Amino acid sequence: MSDETIIIRLRNILRDNSAEERDWGHVNGETTMESLGIDSLSILDLLYDIDQEFDIHLEGSEVIDMRTVGEIANLLKQRGA
Protein backbone atom coordinates (compact mmCIF):
# COMPACT_ATOMS: atom_id res chain seq x y z
CA MET A 1 0.00 0.00 0.00
CA SER A 2 1.36 3.43 -0.85
CA ASP A 3 2.24 6.02 1.77
CA GLU A 4 -0.43 8.30 0.32
CA THR A 5 -3.14 5.64 0.68
CA ILE A 6 -2.17 4.93 4.28
CA ILE A 7 -2.25 8.66 5.10
CA ILE A 8 -5.68 9.06 3.49
CA ARG A 9 -7.08 6.15 5.47
CA LEU A 10 -5.56 7.49 8.70
CA ARG A 11 -6.93 10.94 7.92
CA ASN A 12 -10.42 9.47 7.57
CA ILE A 13 -10.14 7.70 10.92
CA LEU A 14 -8.94 10.88 12.60
CA ARG A 15 -11.71 12.94 10.98
CA ASP A 16 -14.41 10.45 12.01
CA ASN A 17 -13.21 10.53 15.61
CA SER A 18 -12.71 14.27 15.93
CA ALA A 19 -15.24 16.70 17.29
CA GLU A 20 -13.27 19.60 15.81
CA GLU A 21 -13.94 21.17 12.44
CA ARG A 22 -10.81 21.54 10.34
CA ASP A 23 -9.62 21.21 6.77
CA TRP A 24 -8.87 17.49 6.81
CA GLY A 25 -7.66 17.59 3.20
CA HIS A 26 -4.49 19.31 4.38
CA VAL A 27 -3.60 16.63 6.93
CA ASN A 28 -0.42 14.89 5.75
CA GLY A 29 2.49 12.91 7.10
CA GLU A 30 4.05 15.97 8.71
CA THR A 31 0.88 16.96 10.55
CA THR A 32 1.37 16.62 14.27
CA MET A 33 -1.11 14.74 16.39
CA GLU A 34 -1.07 17.68 18.79
CA SER A 35 -2.18 20.09 16.07
CA LEU A 36 -5.19 17.82 15.49
CA GLY A 37 -6.09 17.97 19.17
CA ILE A 38 -4.98 14.38 19.76
CA ASP A 39 -2.92 13.62 22.82
CA SER A 40 -1.43 10.33 23.97
CA LEU A 41 -4.68 9.21 25.60
CA SER A 42 -6.70 10.06 22.51
CA ILE A 43 -4.42 8.06 20.24
CA LEU A 44 -4.95 5.03 22.44
CA ASP A 45 -8.69 5.43 21.88
CA LEU A 46 -8.08 5.42 18.12
CA LEU A 47 -6.16 2.13 18.14
CA TYR A 48 -9.27 0.01 17.75
CA ASP A 49 -10.33 1.93 14.64
CA ILE A 50 -6.82 1.75 13.20
CA ASP A 51 -6.71 -2.00 13.89
CA GLN A 52 -10.06 -2.47 12.17
CA GLU A 53 -9.23 -0.31 9.15
CA PHE A 54 -5.84 -1.88 8.44
CA ASP A 55 -6.34 -5.33 10.00
CA ILE A 56 -3.09 -4.76 11.87
CA HIS A 57 -2.87 -4.86 15.66
CA LEU A 58 -0.80 -2.09 17.21
CA GLU A 59 0.08 -1.91 20.87
CA GLY A 60 -0.41 1.29 22.79
CA SER A 61 3.26 1.29 23.75
CA GLU A 62 4.17 1.43 20.05
CA VAL A 63 2.18 4.57 19.27
CA ILE A 64 1.96 6.47 22.55
CA ASP A 65 5.02 8.64 21.77
CA MET A 66 4.39 9.13 18.06
CA ARG A 67 4.11 12.80 17.20
CA THR A 68 3.01 12.85 13.55
CA VAL A 69 0.54 11.15 11.25
CA GLY A 70 3.54 10.06 9.18
CA GLU A 71 5.11 8.19 12.08
CA ILE A 72 1.97 6.12 12.51
CA ALA A 73 1.78 5.58 8.74
CA ASN A 74 5.39 4.36 8.70
CA LEU A 75 4.68 1.86 11.48
CA LEU A 76 1.64 0.57 9.61
CA LYS A 77 3.71 0.21 6.44
CA GLN A 78 6.39 -1.71 8.35
CA ARG A 79 3.64 -4.06 9.56
CA GLY A 80 2.41 -4.77 6.06
CA ALA A 81 -0.21 -2.14 5.30
C-alpha atoms as a PDB file:
ATOM      1  CA  MET A   1       0.000   0.000   0.000  1.00  0.00           C
ATOM      2  CA  SER A   2       1.363   3.426  -0.852  1.00  0.00           C
ATOM      3  CA  ASP A   3       2.244   6.016   1.773  1.00  0.00           C
ATOM      4  CA  GLU A   4      -0.434   8.295   0.318  1.00  0.00           C
ATOM      5  CA  THR A   5      -3.138   5.639   0.678  1.00  0.00           C
ATOM      6  CA  ILE A   6      -2.165   4.933   4.285  1.00  0.00           C
ATOM      7  CA  ILE A   7      -2.245   8.663   5.101  1.00  0.00           C
ATOM      8  CA  ILE A   8      -5.683   9.065   3.486  1.00  0.00           C
ATOM      9  CA  ARG A   9      -7.077   6.151   5.467  1.00  0.00           C
ATOM     10  CA  LEU A  10      -5.559   7.486   8.699  1.00  0.00           C
ATOM     11  CA  ARG A  11      -6.927  10.944   7.921  1.00  0.00           C
ATOM     12  CA  ASN A  12     -10.418   9.465   7.570  1.00  0.00           C
ATOM     13  CA  ILE A  13     -10.137   7.700  10.923  1.00  0.00           C
ATOM     14  CA  LEU A  14      -8.936  10.881  12.602  1.00  0.00           C
ATOM     15  CA  ARG A  15     -11.709  12.938  10.976  1.00  0.00           C
ATOM     16  CA  ASP A  16     -14.405  10.454  12.007  1.00  0.00           C
ATOM     17  CA  ASN A  17     -13.208  10.530  15.612  1.00  0.00           C
ATOM     18  CA  SER A  18     -12.713  14.270  15.934  1.00  0.00           C
ATOM     19  CA  ALA A  19     -15.243  16.698  17.288  1.00  0.00           C
ATOM     20  CA  GLU A  20     -13.274  19.595  15.809  1.00  0.00           C
ATOM     21  CA  GLU A  21     -13.937  21.169  12.440  1.00  0.00           C
ATOM     22  CA  ARG A  22     -10.814  21.537  10.340  1.00  0.00           C
ATOM     23  CA  ASP A  23      -9.619  21.210   6.767  1.00  0.00           C
ATOM     24  CA  TRP A  24      -8.870  17.493   6.810  1.00  0.00           C
ATOM     25  CA  GLY A  25      -7.665  17.590   3.204  1.00  0.00           C
ATOM     26  CA  HIS A  26      -4.493  19.306   4.385  1.00  0.00           C
ATOM     27  CA  VAL A  27      -3.603  16.633   6.933  1.00  0.00           C
ATOM     28  CA  ASN A  28      -0.425  14.889   5.751  1.00  0.00           C
ATOM     29  CA  GLY A  29       2.493  12.912   7.097  1.00  0.00           C
ATOM     30  CA  GLU A  30       4.048  15.970   8.707  1.00  0.00           C
ATOM     31  CA  THR A  31       0.875  16.957  10.547  1.00  0.00           C
ATOM     32  CA  THR A  32       1.374  16.617  14.270  1.00  0.00           C
ATOM     33  CA  MET A  33      -1.110  14.740  16.389  1.00  0.00           C
ATOM     34  CA  GLU A  34      -1.067  17.682  18.793  1.00  0.00           C
ATOM     35  CA  SER A  35      -2.181  20.094  16.069  1.00  0.00           C
ATOM     36  CA  LEU A  36      -5.194  17.819  15.489  1.00  0.00           C
ATOM     37  CA  GLY A  37      -6.091  17.971  19.172  1.00  0.00           C
ATOM     38  CA  ILE A  38      -4.983  14.380  19.758  1.00  0.00           C
ATOM     39  CA  ASP A  39      -2.920  13.620  22.823  1.00  0.00           C
ATOM     40  CA  SER A  40      -1.426  10.328  23.972  1.00  0.00           C
ATOM     41  CA  LEU A  41      -4.678   9.215  25.599  1.00  0.00           C
ATOM     42  CA  SER A  42      -6.704  10.056  22.506  1.00  0.00           C
ATOM     43  CA  ILE A  43      -4.418   8.064  20.238  1.00  0.00           C
ATOM     44  CA  LEU A  44      -4.949   5.033  22.445  1.00  0.00           C
ATOM     45  CA  ASP A  45      -8.694   5.430  21.881  1.00  0.00           C
ATOM     46  CA  LEU A  46      -8.075   5.421  18.118  1.00  0.00           C
ATOM     47  CA  LEU A  47      -6.155   2.134  18.139  1.00  0.00           C
ATOM     48  CA  TYR A  48      -9.274   0.011  17.753  1.00  0.00           C
ATOM     49  CA  ASP A  49     -10.330   1.933  14.643  1.00  0.00           C
ATOM     50  CA  ILE A  50      -6.816   1.750  13.203  1.00  0.00           C
ATOM     51  CA  ASP A  51      -6.707  -2.002  13.889  1.00  0.00           C
ATOM     52  CA  GLN A  52     -10.056  -2.471  12.170  1.00  0.00           C
ATOM     53  CA  GLU A  53      -9.229  -0.313   9.147  1.00  0.00           C
ATOM     54  CA  PHE A  54      -5.844  -1.882   8.444  1.00  0.00           C
ATOM     55  CA  ASP A  55      -6.344  -5.334  10.000  1.00  0.00           C
ATOM     56  CA  ILE A  56      -3.087  -4.763  11.867  1.00  0.00           C
ATOM     57  CA  HIS A  57      -2.873  -4.857  15.657  1.00  0.00           C
ATOM     58  CA  LEU A  58      -0.801  -2.086  17.207  1.00  0.00           C
ATOM     59  CA  GLU A  59       0.081  -1.907  20.873  1.00  0.00           C
ATOM     60  CA  GLY A  60      -0.410   1.294  22.788  1.00  0.00           C
ATOM     61  CA  SER A  61       3.258   1.295  23.752  1.00  0.00           C
ATOM     62  CA  GLU A  62       4.168   1.432  20.050  1.00  0.00           C
ATOM     63  CA  VAL A  63       2.178   4.568  19.270  1.00  0.00           C
ATOM     64  CA  ILE A  64       1.964   6.474  22.546  1.00  0.00           C
ATOM     65  CA  ASP A  65       5.019   8.638  21.773  1.00  0.00           C
ATOM     66  CA  MET A  66       4.388   9.130  18.057  1.00  0.00           C
ATOM     67  CA  ARG A  67       4.106  12.800  17.200  1.00  0.00           C
ATOM     68  CA  THR A  68       3.008  12.853  13.553  1.00  0.00           C
ATOM     69  CA  VAL A  69       0.540  11.150  11.246  1.00  0.00           C
ATOM     70  CA  GLY A  70       3.540  10.059   9.176  1.00  0.00           C
ATOM     71  CA  GLU A  71       5.114   8.188  12.081  1.00  0.00           C
ATOM     72  CA  ILE A  72       1.967   6.119  12.509  1.00  0.00           C
ATOM     73  CA  ALA A  73       1.776   5.576   8.740  1.00  0.00           C
ATOM     74  CA  ASN A  74       5.389   4.355   8.699  1.00  0.00           C
ATOM     75  CA  LEU A  75       4.676   1.864  11.483  1.00  0.00           C
ATOM     76  CA  LEU A  76       1.643   0.571   9.611  1.00  0.00           C
ATOM     77  CA  LYS A  77       3.708   0.211   6.441  1.00  0.00           C
ATOM     78  CA  GLN A  78       6.388  -1.712   8.346  1.00  0.00           C
ATOM     79  CA  ARG A  79       3.640  -4.055   9.564  1.00  0.00           C
ATOM     80  CA  GLY A  80       2.413  -4.770   6.060  1.00  0.00           C
ATOM     81  CA  ALA A  81      -0.214  -2.142   5.302  1.00  0.00           C
END
